[in-house]
Amino acid sequence: MEPILILTEGISDQINNYIETHDDDEHHLHIYNDFVSSSEGNLFYALGEVFLNILDVLKIEDHYYSNDERAKVPPLKIITDLPKLAEELTLLYGDDEDSLVEVIQMGVNSTNFFPTYSREDLINYELSVLISYPMAVALNSLWQIMDADNLVAWTTESEKIRKARESKDYFGDSLLIHLLDLMILEITEDTGEYAYSFIQSLKMQISKNPIDLADYLKGLDKYTTLSPINGFFIWNQLKYLASSNKITNDDETLKLQNNLYTNCYNAFADACLEFTTPIMEDERRRDRIMVFVTQFLTDGHYPTELIKGLVMALNEIGYDIFIFNTTERYTPKGYVPMYSAIGGNTVREFQDFEKMICGNVVCDYYQPAVTSGYLDIFNDAINKAAKYKPLYILSIGNGSLISDVLDRMIPVASMDIDTTSLPTTKSRIRVITRPLEKGEKHPNIYTDGYTVVAPNFNYQINTVEDAMKVMTDLDRQIVSNLKDASKY
């Protein structure tokens, strides 16, 4: 039977007709015909009563009622002629297909509630009703640190919420999103910078709705004082969350993320302007390539094995190689609270290496210290590139702001090895690791003369011969596309 909640103060003819039409075996009517007076005209009491009815429909008191089963429960249909109540319920529970309630205003009743109430009191009340659940305890702790700027505290609460969500003793994602929305409504532009970033990032991962991801990205400008360092941290985390299917993108969210990356790039590029004077081709060493990598680990790590194969191939072609392992994506500097945020792996011992063995090739190597911040790594990269003066820089791996900035000095060819899509990059030469399409002599995606394709790219490069099939043609394309930037 479909439950229907009818909330009114004195039953109007319109609502009475609805009751008569739906008073059958298919519907279970819960009629409150004195809802305002029984709530003492207090909207807080009224919303609390609605909340209890929602819990009853969800069978929330039954700890063995699974989250998957709850997901199949249709929204509670609420019929009311009380405009303020309908407005507030829509604000608190939303009006999309995932909402816990479906609010239908049927007529206008002149009786009304007090105009205001404390959402803080409502949050405290709803959490108190659910306090037997570990998730409610975790959310209550989260609510208590809403104004805190202590990253350790936020990390601790994030772990509590993760464990509570994995618990079988859990009241479900729909109700969790409602409680998060209540908290978000309490965030102002002057307070709660960390709260916004964390709570909205949690919501977008639960719903996997691109609308929530878009709201998160738009809200960064409104609720946070986003530094370029923090912006890059967020962009990089979103890339990870998308690749692990924890968020869902659409055209709008991809555009917003590209804008975020662009803004971060512009800020760093402007800051480094006087230190990145272009080095002309006749000043660069034609027998040197700088390989810029976003992660270099031990044997058995696929990207590292692939990098080593490409290094060996470049050496076979005739180049000396200098590997710069940027750790910019994995430095803790710039951290802001995000649910499910991860750090990155680095091999600490490699920071002491000046040489790296790639098969039968010994090449120069540099890795910043694990204590380095973004600006330290920028400074190291600029100085190393200026000293080494390679013919070009091959940046392997998606999303290195530093290699993009180095492109102002020395041409950078940016190649993504994670997917076949074009990497996010501001470098002048873009390498697409996909086969040419039928009848395609040049990439159809871009016509700017700076995009090249690695049509023989093989994600399972195991030998120098495999790598040579890629690098011989790729190096030729890159060299033919080298164009000096203007010094002026």
Protein backbone atom coordinates (compact mmCIF):
# COMPACT_ATOMS: atom_id res chain seq x y z
CA MET A 1 0.00 0.00 0.00
CA GLU A 2 1.23 3.47 -0.89
CA PRO A 3 1.47 5.71 2.20
CA ILE A 4 0.09 9.23 1.77
CA LEU A 5 0.48 11.94 4.40
CA ILE A 6 -2.26 14.59 4.43
CA LEU A 7 -1.39 17.70 6.44
CA THR A 8 -3.97 20.46 6.83
CA GLU A 9 -5.81 22.61 9.35
CA GLY A 10 -9.48 21.86 8.70
CA ILE A 11 -10.17 19.69 5.68
CA SER A 12 -11.08 21.68 2.57
CA ASP A 13 -13.45 20.40 -0.08
CA GLN A 14 -10.51 19.88 -2.45
CA ILE A 15 -8.55 17.75 0.02
CA ASN A 16 -11.74 15.94 1.09
CA ASN A 17 -12.34 14.96 -2.54
CA TYR A 18 -8.75 13.68 -2.72
CA ILE A 19 -9.28 11.59 0.44
CA GLU A 20 -12.48 10.05 -0.92
CA THR A 21 -10.77 9.21 -4.22
CA HIS A 22 -7.74 7.56 -2.57
CA ASP A 23 -9.42 5.85 0.39
CA ASP A 24 -8.99 2.32 -0.94
CA ASP A 25 -6.90 -0.82 -0.55
CA GLU A 26 -4.02 0.61 -2.62
CA HIS A 27 -3.38 3.62 -0.38
CA HIS A 28 -2.70 4.10 3.32
CA LEU A 29 -3.83 7.59 4.31
CA HIS A 30 -2.32 9.34 7.36
CA ILE A 31 -4.57 12.36 7.94
CA TYR A 32 -3.60 15.28 10.20
CA ASN A 33 -6.60 17.61 9.97
CA ASP A 34 -5.39 19.89 12.79
CA PHE A 35 -1.71 19.95 11.89
CA VAL A 36 -1.04 23.62 12.70
CA SER A 37 -2.82 23.68 16.06
CA SER A 38 -1.36 20.31 17.15
CA SER A 39 2.08 21.75 16.33
CA GLU A 40 1.23 24.89 18.37
CA GLY A 41 1.78 26.92 15.21
CA ASN A 42 5.48 26.08 15.48
CA LEU A 43 7.09 25.05 12.19
CA PHE A 44 9.88 23.29 14.08
CA TYR A 45 7.42 20.85 15.68
CA ALA A 46 5.64 20.35 12.36
CA LEU A 47 8.86 19.48 10.51
CA GLY A 48 9.85 17.13 13.32
CA GLU A 49 6.54 15.27 12.94
CA VAL A 50 7.06 14.95 9.19
CA PHE A 51 10.56 13.58 9.83
CA LEU A 52 9.15 10.87 12.12
CA ASN A 53 6.64 9.90 9.44
CA ILE A 54 9.45 9.59 6.89
CA LEU A 55 11.39 7.32 9.24
CA ASP A 56 8.28 5.20 9.65
CA VAL A 57 7.89 4.81 5.88
CA LEU A 58 11.58 3.92 5.54
CA LYS A 59 11.20 1.42 8.40
CA ILE A 60 14.27 3.12 9.80
CA GLU A 61 13.80 1.56 13.23
CA ASP A 62 14.55 -1.88 11.76
CA HIS A 63 18.34 -2.26 11.79
CA TYR A 64 18.13 -5.22 9.44
CA TYR A 65 16.29 -3.41 6.68
CA SER A 66 19.03 -3.17 4.05
CA ASN A 67 20.13 0.00 2.33
CA ASP A 68 19.41 -1.57 -1.08
CA GLU A 69 15.84 -2.29 -0.01
CA ARG A 70 15.42 1.26 1.28
CA ALA A 71 16.55 2.56 -2.09
CA LYS A 72 13.49 0.90 -3.64
CA VAL A 73 11.05 2.66 -1.31
CA PRO A 74 9.21 5.38 -3.25
CA PRO A 75 9.11 8.91 -1.81
CA LEU A 76 6.48 9.65 0.80
CA LYS A 77 3.68 11.58 -0.89
CA ILE A 78 2.64 14.61 1.17
CA ILE A 79 -0.59 16.44 0.38
CA THR A 80 -1.00 19.83 2.02
CA ASP A 81 -2.72 23.15 1.58
CA LEU A 82 -0.26 24.92 3.91
CA PRO A 83 2.05 27.00 1.63
CA LYS A 84 4.80 27.64 4.20
CA LEU A 85 4.98 23.95 5.04
CA ALA A 86 5.14 22.94 1.36
CA GLU A 87 7.87 25.52 0.71
CA GLU A 88 9.99 24.42 3.66
CA LEU A 89 9.65 20.70 2.94
CA THR A 90 10.77 21.27 -0.65
CA LEU A 91 13.76 23.26 0.60
CA LEU A 92 14.79 20.60 3.13
CA TYR A 93 14.16 17.48 1.05
CA GLY A 94 14.47 18.65 -2.54
CA ASP A 95 12.09 17.97 -5.38
CA ASP A 96 14.04 15.62 -7.64
CA GLU A 97 13.50 11.91 -8.29
CA ASP A 98 15.75 10.95 -5.37
CA SER A 99 13.87 13.02 -2.81
CA LEU A 100 12.52 11.32 0.30
CA VAL A 101 9.21 13.15 -0.16
CA GLU A 102 6.93 14.25 -2.96
CA VAL A 103 5.18 17.44 -1.86
CA ILE A 104 1.90 18.36 -3.55
CA GLN A 105 0.27 21.63 -2.53
CA MET A 106 -3.47 21.36 -3.00
CA GLY A 107 -5.12 24.70 -2.44
CA VAL A 108 -4.15 27.52 -0.06
CA ASN A 109 -5.06 27.44 3.62
CA SER A 110 -5.06 30.81 5.38
CA THR A 111 -3.87 29.20 8.64
CA ASN A 112 -0.09 29.35 8.94
CA PHE A 113 2.92 28.75 11.16
CA PHE A 114 5.29 31.10 12.88
CA PRO A 115 7.44 32.45 10.05
CA THR A 116 10.83 31.30 11.32
CA TYR A 117 12.47 28.43 13.14
CA SER A 118 16.03 27.34 13.93
CA ARG A 119 17.49 24.88 11.44
CA GLU A 120 20.22 24.25 13.98
CA ASP A 121 17.58 22.96 16.39
CA LEU A 122 16.08 20.79 13.66
CA ILE A 123 19.47 19.24 12.82
CA ASN A 124 20.13 18.51 16.49
CA TYR A 125 16.67 16.98 16.87
CA GLU A 126 16.89 14.74 13.80
CA LEU A 127 20.35 13.51 14.76
CA SER A 128 19.12 12.80 18.30
CA VAL A 129 16.34 10.59 16.92
CA LEU A 130 18.93 8.58 14.96
CA ILE A 131 21.67 8.63 17.59
CA SER A 132 21.70 4.81 17.94
CA TYR A 133 23.33 4.66 14.51
CA PRO A 134 27.11 5.14 14.17
CA MET A 135 26.47 7.41 11.19
CA ALA A 136 24.39 9.78 13.31
CA VAL A 137 27.17 9.90 15.90
CA ALA A 138 29.68 10.69 13.13
CA LEU A 139 27.41 13.39 11.66
CA ASN A 140 26.91 14.91 15.08
CA SER A 141 30.71 15.16 15.45
CA LEU A 142 30.85 16.69 11.97
CA TRP A 143 28.18 19.22 12.94
CA GLN A 144 30.22 20.25 15.98
CA ILE A 145 33.30 21.19 13.89
CA MET A 146 31.49 23.10 11.13
CA ASP A 147 33.52 26.26 11.78
CA ALA A 148 36.80 24.50 12.47
CA ASP A 149 39.88 24.94 10.29
CA ASN A 150 41.76 22.03 11.85
CA LEU A 151 42.58 19.58 9.05
CA VAL A 152 43.29 16.76 11.48
CA ALA A 153 39.78 17.08 12.90
CA TRP A 154 38.21 16.95 9.45
CA THR A 155 40.29 13.93 8.47
CA THR A 156 39.22 12.15 11.65
CA GLU A 157 35.53 12.80 10.99
CA SER A 158 35.92 11.70 7.37
CA GLU A 159 37.20 8.33 8.53
CA LYS A 160 34.31 7.97 11.01
CA ILE A 161 31.79 8.66 8.25
CA ARG A 162 33.47 6.22 5.88
CA LYS A 163 33.34 3.42 8.46
CA ALA A 164 29.75 4.25 9.41
CA ARG A 165 28.66 4.20 5.76
CA GLU A 166 30.23 0.77 5.30
CA SER A 167 28.38 -0.52 8.37
CA LYS A 168 25.37 -2.80 7.88
CA ASP A 169 23.76 -0.86 10.71
CA TYR A 170 23.12 2.21 8.54
CA PHE A 171 20.05 4.29 7.81
CA GLY A 172 20.77 4.78 4.09
CA ASP A 173 22.09 7.33 1.61
CA SER A 174 18.80 9.15 0.95
CA LEU A 175 18.46 10.17 4.56
CA LEU A 176 22.17 10.99 4.77
CA ILE A 177 21.85 13.38 1.81
CA HIS A 178 18.91 15.10 3.53
CA LEU A 179 20.97 15.62 6.69
CA LEU A 180 23.92 16.92 4.64
CA ASP A 181 21.61 19.33 2.81
CA LEU A 182 20.42 20.64 6.18
CA MET A 183 24.01 21.34 7.17
CA ILE A 184 24.82 22.94 3.82
CA LEU A 185 21.91 25.35 4.32
CA GLU A 186 23.64 26.57 7.48
CA ILE A 187 26.91 27.41 5.72
CA THR A 188 27.39 31.11 5.01
CA GLU A 189 29.81 32.95 2.76
CA ASP A 190 31.71 34.19 5.81
CA THR A 191 32.10 30.89 7.67
CA GLY A 192 32.42 27.21 6.99
CA GLU A 193 35.00 27.22 4.18
CA TYR A 194 36.20 23.74 5.11
CA ALA A 195 32.65 22.60 5.88
CA TYR A 196 31.46 23.42 2.37
CA SER A 197 34.33 21.65 0.65
CA PHE A 198 33.92 18.50 2.76
CA ILE A 199 30.13 18.19 3.02
CA GLN A 200 29.41 18.93 -0.64
CA SER A 201 32.21 16.57 -1.72
CA LEU A 202 30.59 13.86 0.40
CA LYS A 203 27.17 14.54 -1.09
CA MET A 204 28.39 14.42 -4.71
CA GLN A 205 30.04 11.04 -4.11
CA ILE A 206 26.92 9.56 -2.53
CA SER A 207 24.52 10.78 -5.20
CA LYS A 208 26.96 10.43 -8.14
CA ASN A 209 24.85 13.15 -9.71
CA PRO A 210 26.75 15.59 -11.97
CA ILE A 211 24.44 18.35 -10.71
CA ASP A 212 25.92 17.94 -7.22
CA LEU A 213 29.44 17.94 -8.68
CA ALA A 214 28.63 21.14 -10.60
CA ASP A 215 27.23 22.70 -7.41
CA TYR A 216 30.46 21.77 -5.62
CA LEU A 217 32.63 23.44 -8.27
CA LYS A 218 30.44 26.55 -8.47
CA GLY A 219 30.34 26.86 -4.69
CA LEU A 220 34.13 26.94 -4.43
CA ASP A 221 34.09 30.55 -5.60
CA LYS A 222 31.25 31.49 -3.26
CA TYR A 223 32.26 29.77 -0.05
CA THR A 224 36.03 29.45 -0.22
CA THR A 225 39.09 31.63 -0.67
CA LEU A 226 40.59 29.21 -3.14
CA SER A 227 44.34 29.52 -3.62
CA PRO A 228 45.96 28.11 -6.79
CA ILE A 229 47.54 25.39 -4.63
CA ASN A 230 44.21 24.35 -3.14
CA GLY A 231 42.57 24.57 -6.55
CA PHE A 232 45.10 22.20 -8.06
CA PHE A 233 44.68 19.80 -5.14
CA ILE A 234 40.92 19.73 -5.73
CA TRP A 235 41.31 19.31 -9.50
CA ASN A 236 43.66 16.39 -9.01
CA GLN A 237 41.35 14.72 -6.48
CA LEU A 238 38.39 15.07 -8.85
CA LYS A 239 40.44 13.37 -11.55
CA TYR A 240 41.04 10.44 -9.20
CA LEU A 241 37.39 10.31 -8.09
CA ALA A 242 36.21 10.22 -11.71
CA SER A 243 38.66 7.46 -12.67
CA SER A 244 37.48 5.37 -9.71
CA ASN A 245 33.78 5.94 -10.56
CA LYS A 246 33.07 7.85 -7.35
CA ILE A 247 31.67 10.88 -9.19
CA THR A 248 29.91 11.36 -12.51
CA ASN A 249 30.80 14.06 -15.02
CA ASP A 250 28.84 15.74 -17.75
CA ASP A 251 29.75 18.51 -20.22
CA GLU A 252 29.19 21.25 -17.65
CA THR A 253 31.33 19.66 -14.91
CA LEU A 254 34.15 18.93 -17.35
CA LYS A 255 34.08 22.56 -18.46
CA LEU A 256 34.12 23.76 -14.84
CA GLN A 257 37.09 21.51 -14.04
CA ASN A 258 38.95 22.73 -17.10
CA ASN A 259 38.31 26.31 -15.96
CA LEU A 260 39.64 25.40 -12.50
CA TYR A 261 42.82 23.96 -14.01
CA THR A 262 43.21 26.98 -16.29
CA ASN A 263 42.85 29.42 -13.39
CA CYS A 264 45.49 27.53 -11.38
CA TYR A 265 47.82 27.43 -14.38
CA ASN A 266 47.43 31.16 -15.07
CA ALA A 267 48.21 32.03 -11.45
CA PHE A 268 51.40 29.93 -11.36
CA ALA A 269 52.45 31.00 -14.86
CA ASP A 270 52.13 34.67 -13.92
CA ALA A 271 54.08 34.11 -10.70
CA CYS A 272 56.89 32.40 -12.65
CA LEU A 273 56.88 34.81 -15.60
CA GLU A 274 60.26 36.44 -15.01
CA PHE A 275 61.92 33.06 -14.37
CA THR A 276 60.64 31.28 -17.49
CA THR A 277 62.19 33.27 -20.32
CA PRO A 278 62.06 31.16 -23.52
CA ILE A 279 65.26 29.29 -24.41
CA MET A 280 65.56 29.33 -28.19
CA GLU A 281 66.14 26.15 -30.20
CA ASP A 282 69.66 27.14 -31.20
CA GLU A 283 70.53 27.42 -27.48
CA ARG A 284 69.16 23.98 -26.61
CA ARG A 285 71.02 20.69 -26.81
CA ARG A 286 69.73 18.60 -29.72
CA ASP A 287 71.02 15.43 -28.08
CA ARG A 288 69.08 15.87 -24.82
CA ILE A 289 65.51 15.15 -23.76
CA MET A 290 64.07 15.96 -20.36
CA VAL A 291 61.45 13.40 -19.38
CA PHE A 292 59.00 14.88 -16.90
CA VAL A 293 57.00 12.24 -15.03
CA THR A 294 54.14 12.57 -12.53
CA GLN A 295 54.93 9.31 -10.77
CA PHE A 296 58.00 7.09 -10.78
CA LEU A 297 57.94 4.07 -8.50
CA THR A 298 59.55 0.65 -8.26
CA ASP A 299 59.59 -2.23 -10.77
CA GLY A 300 56.17 -3.76 -11.38
CA HIS A 301 54.36 -0.40 -11.36
CA TYR A 302 52.86 -0.21 -14.84
CA PRO A 303 53.37 3.53 -15.54
CA THR A 304 56.97 3.28 -14.30
CA GLU A 305 57.66 0.27 -16.54
CA LEU A 306 56.20 2.15 -19.50
CA ILE A 307 58.31 5.23 -18.72
CA LYS A 308 61.44 3.11 -18.56
CA GLY A 309 60.61 1.59 -21.94
CA LEU A 310 60.18 5.02 -23.52
CA VAL A 311 63.44 6.22 -21.93
CA MET A 312 65.30 3.26 -23.40
CA ALA A 313 63.79 3.97 -26.82
CA LEU A 314 64.79 7.65 -26.67
CA ASN A 315 68.31 6.59 -25.76
CA GLU A 316 68.31 4.17 -28.70
CA ILE A 317 67.34 7.07 -30.99
CA GLY A 318 70.39 8.96 -29.73
CA TYR A 319 69.28 11.15 -26.84
CA ASP A 320 70.73 11.57 -23.36
CA ILE A 321 67.90 11.57 -20.85
CA PHE A 322 67.22 13.47 -17.64
CA ILE A 323 64.18 12.25 -15.65
CA PHE A 324 62.48 14.79 -13.42
CA ASN A 325 59.98 13.04 -11.15
CA THR A 326 57.63 15.78 -10.02
CA THR A 327 55.76 15.02 -6.82
CA GLU A 328 53.44 18.01 -7.18
CA ARG A 329 50.31 15.85 -7.26
CA TYR A 330 51.22 14.11 -4.03
CA THR A 331 52.51 16.85 -1.77
CA PRO A 332 50.30 17.49 1.30
CA LYS A 333 50.70 21.23 0.87
CA GLY A 334 47.44 22.86 -0.15
CA TYR A 335 45.20 20.21 1.34
CA VAL A 336 41.56 21.10 1.91
CA PRO A 337 39.01 18.69 3.39
CA MET A 338 37.48 16.37 0.80
CA TYR A 339 35.71 13.10 1.42
CA SER A 340 37.71 10.10 0.08
CA ALA A 341 40.75 12.28 -0.63
CA ILE A 342 43.90 10.28 -1.21
CA GLY A 343 47.59 10.92 -1.06
CA GLY A 344 50.01 9.57 -3.62
CA ASN A 345 52.80 7.06 -3.48
CA THR A 346 56.41 8.15 -3.70
CA VAL A 347 59.57 6.18 -3.05
CA ARG A 348 61.26 8.30 -0.42
CA GLU A 349 64.68 6.81 -1.10
CA PHE A 350 64.59 8.03 -4.70
CA GLN A 351 64.96 11.63 -3.52
CA ASP A 352 68.63 10.81 -2.83
CA PHE A 353 69.27 9.40 -6.32
CA GLU A 354 71.15 11.38 -8.98
CA LYS A 355 71.06 8.49 -11.48
CA MET A 356 68.30 6.05 -12.41
CA ILE A 357 68.70 2.73 -14.21
CA CYS A 358 66.14 2.04 -16.94
CA GLY A 359 66.96 -1.37 -18.36
CA ASN A 360 70.42 -0.95 -19.85
CA VAL A 361 70.28 2.85 -19.74
CA VAL A 362 71.67 4.95 -16.89
CA CYS A 363 70.23 8.46 -16.95
CA ASP A 364 70.26 11.56 -14.78
CA TYR A 365 67.44 11.65 -12.25
CA TYR A 366 65.93 14.14 -9.81
CA GLN A 367 63.08 13.83 -7.33
CA PRO A 368 62.16 16.64 -4.91
CA ALA A 369 62.28 15.93 -1.19
CA VAL A 370 59.04 14.68 0.32
CA THR A 371 58.93 17.84 2.45
CA SER A 372 58.91 20.08 -0.64
CA GLY A 373 55.92 22.30 -1.29
CA TYR A 374 54.56 23.31 -4.68
CA LEU A 375 56.70 26.40 -5.03
CA ASP A 376 59.84 24.46 -4.09
CA ILE A 377 59.13 21.94 -6.85
CA PHE A 378 58.43 24.74 -9.34
CA ASN A 379 61.76 26.34 -8.47
CA ASP A 380 63.62 23.01 -8.80
CA ALA A 381 62.02 22.23 -12.16
CA ILE A 382 62.75 25.66 -13.65
CA ASN A 383 66.38 25.57 -12.52
CA LYS A 384 66.95 22.01 -13.75
CA ALA A 385 65.39 22.70 -17.15
CA ALA A 386 67.37 25.91 -17.59
CA LYS A 387 70.61 24.12 -16.76
CA TYR A 388 69.95 20.97 -18.82
CA LYS A 389 68.61 22.87 -21.89
CA PRO A 390 66.98 19.85 -23.62
CA LEU A 391 65.69 19.96 -27.18
CA TYR A 392 62.22 19.38 -25.76
CA ILE A 393 60.50 18.06 -22.66
CA LEU A 394 58.34 14.92 -22.81
CA SER A 395 55.79 15.11 -19.99
CA ILE A 396 54.36 11.66 -19.25
CA GLY A 397 51.23 11.53 -17.14
CA ASN A 398 48.10 13.65 -16.90
CA GLY A 399 47.89 16.99 -15.16
CA SER A 400 51.26 18.53 -14.34
CA LEU A 401 50.97 22.26 -13.80
CA ILE A 402 54.74 22.51 -13.54
CA SER A 403 55.47 20.96 -16.95
CA ASP A 404 52.82 23.25 -18.45
CA VAL A 405 54.60 26.27 -17.00
CA LEU A 406 57.97 24.93 -18.26
CA ASP A 407 56.49 25.05 -21.77
CA ARG A 408 57.04 28.81 -21.62
CA MET A 409 60.80 28.09 -21.56
CA ILE A 410 61.18 24.91 -23.61
CA PRO A 411 58.62 23.14 -25.82
CA VAL A 412 56.73 20.48 -23.86
CA ALA A 413 55.00 17.49 -25.42
CA SER A 414 52.36 16.33 -22.93
CA MET A 415 51.29 12.69 -23.14
CA ASP A 416 48.64 10.98 -21.07
CA ILE A 417 49.20 7.29 -20.33
CA ASP A 418 46.07 6.68 -18.27
CA THR A 419 43.39 6.97 -20.93
CA THR A 420 43.11 7.48 -24.66
CA SER A 421 41.54 10.90 -24.23
CA LEU A 422 43.45 14.14 -24.62
CA PRO A 423 45.10 15.13 -21.34
CA THR A 424 44.35 18.39 -19.58
CA THR A 425 47.34 20.46 -20.53
CA LYS A 426 48.42 23.95 -21.50
CA SER A 427 51.56 22.66 -23.20
CA ARG A 428 51.96 23.60 -26.84
CA ILE A 429 52.37 20.02 -28.09
CA ARG A 430 49.68 17.53 -27.17
CA VAL A 431 50.19 13.80 -27.68
CA ILE A 432 47.09 11.70 -28.24
CA THR A 433 47.71 8.05 -27.46
CA ARG A 434 45.19 6.52 -29.82
CA PRO A 435 45.24 5.07 -33.32
CA LEU A 436 44.47 7.31 -36.24
CA GLU A 437 40.86 6.97 -37.29
CA LYS A 438 39.90 5.56 -40.68
CA GLY A 439 40.90 8.01 -43.39
CA GLU A 440 42.55 10.32 -40.82
CA LYS A 441 46.02 11.51 -41.77
CA HIS A 442 46.11 14.09 -39.00
CA PRO A 443 44.12 14.31 -35.75
CA ASN A 444 40.58 15.46 -36.42
CA ILE A 445 40.22 16.83 -32.89
CA TYR A 446 42.59 19.77 -33.37
CA THR A 447 43.74 21.76 -36.37
CA ASP A 448 46.25 24.00 -34.60
CA GLY A 449 49.34 22.16 -35.88
CA TYR A 450 50.51 21.35 -32.37
CA THR A 451 48.68 18.08 -31.73
CA VAL A 452 50.38 14.83 -32.62
CA VAL A 453 49.23 11.22 -32.42
CA ALA A 454 51.05 8.14 -31.20
CA PRO A 455 49.15 5.67 -33.42
CA ASN A 456 51.29 2.69 -32.39
CA PHE A 457 51.01 3.43 -28.69
CA ASN A 458 50.92 0.24 -26.64
CA TYR A 459 49.92 0.34 -22.99
CA GLN A 460 51.83 -2.90 -22.45
CA ILE A 461 55.31 -1.86 -23.56
CA ASN A 462 57.66 -4.63 -22.41
CA THR A 463 60.71 -4.31 -24.64
CA VAL A 464 62.81 -1.65 -26.32
CA GLU A 465 61.38 -2.86 -29.62
CA ASP A 466 57.84 -2.17 -28.38
CA ALA A 467 58.86 1.30 -27.24
CA MET A 468 60.69 2.05 -30.49
CA LYS A 469 57.48 1.46 -32.45
CA VAL A 470 56.00 4.34 -30.49
CA MET A 471 58.93 6.68 -29.96
CA THR A 472 60.50 6.69 -33.43
CA ASP A 473 57.42 8.17 -35.07
CA LEU A 474 56.44 10.19 -32.01
CA ASP A 475 59.86 11.85 -31.71
CA ARG A 476 59.79 12.68 -35.41
CA GLN A 477 56.37 14.32 -35.05
CA ILE A 478 57.39 16.27 -31.96
CA VAL A 479 60.63 17.56 -33.49
CA SER A 480 58.82 18.63 -36.66
CA ASN A 481 56.33 20.57 -34.53
CA LEU A 482 58.90 22.41 -32.40
CA LYS A 483 58.25 26.11 -32.52
CA ASP A 484 60.04 28.63 -30.34
CA ALA A 485 57.98 30.83 -28.08
CA SER A 486 58.57 34.55 -28.39
CA LYS A 487 60.98 36.10 -25.93
CA TYR A 488 58.89 39.23 -25.97
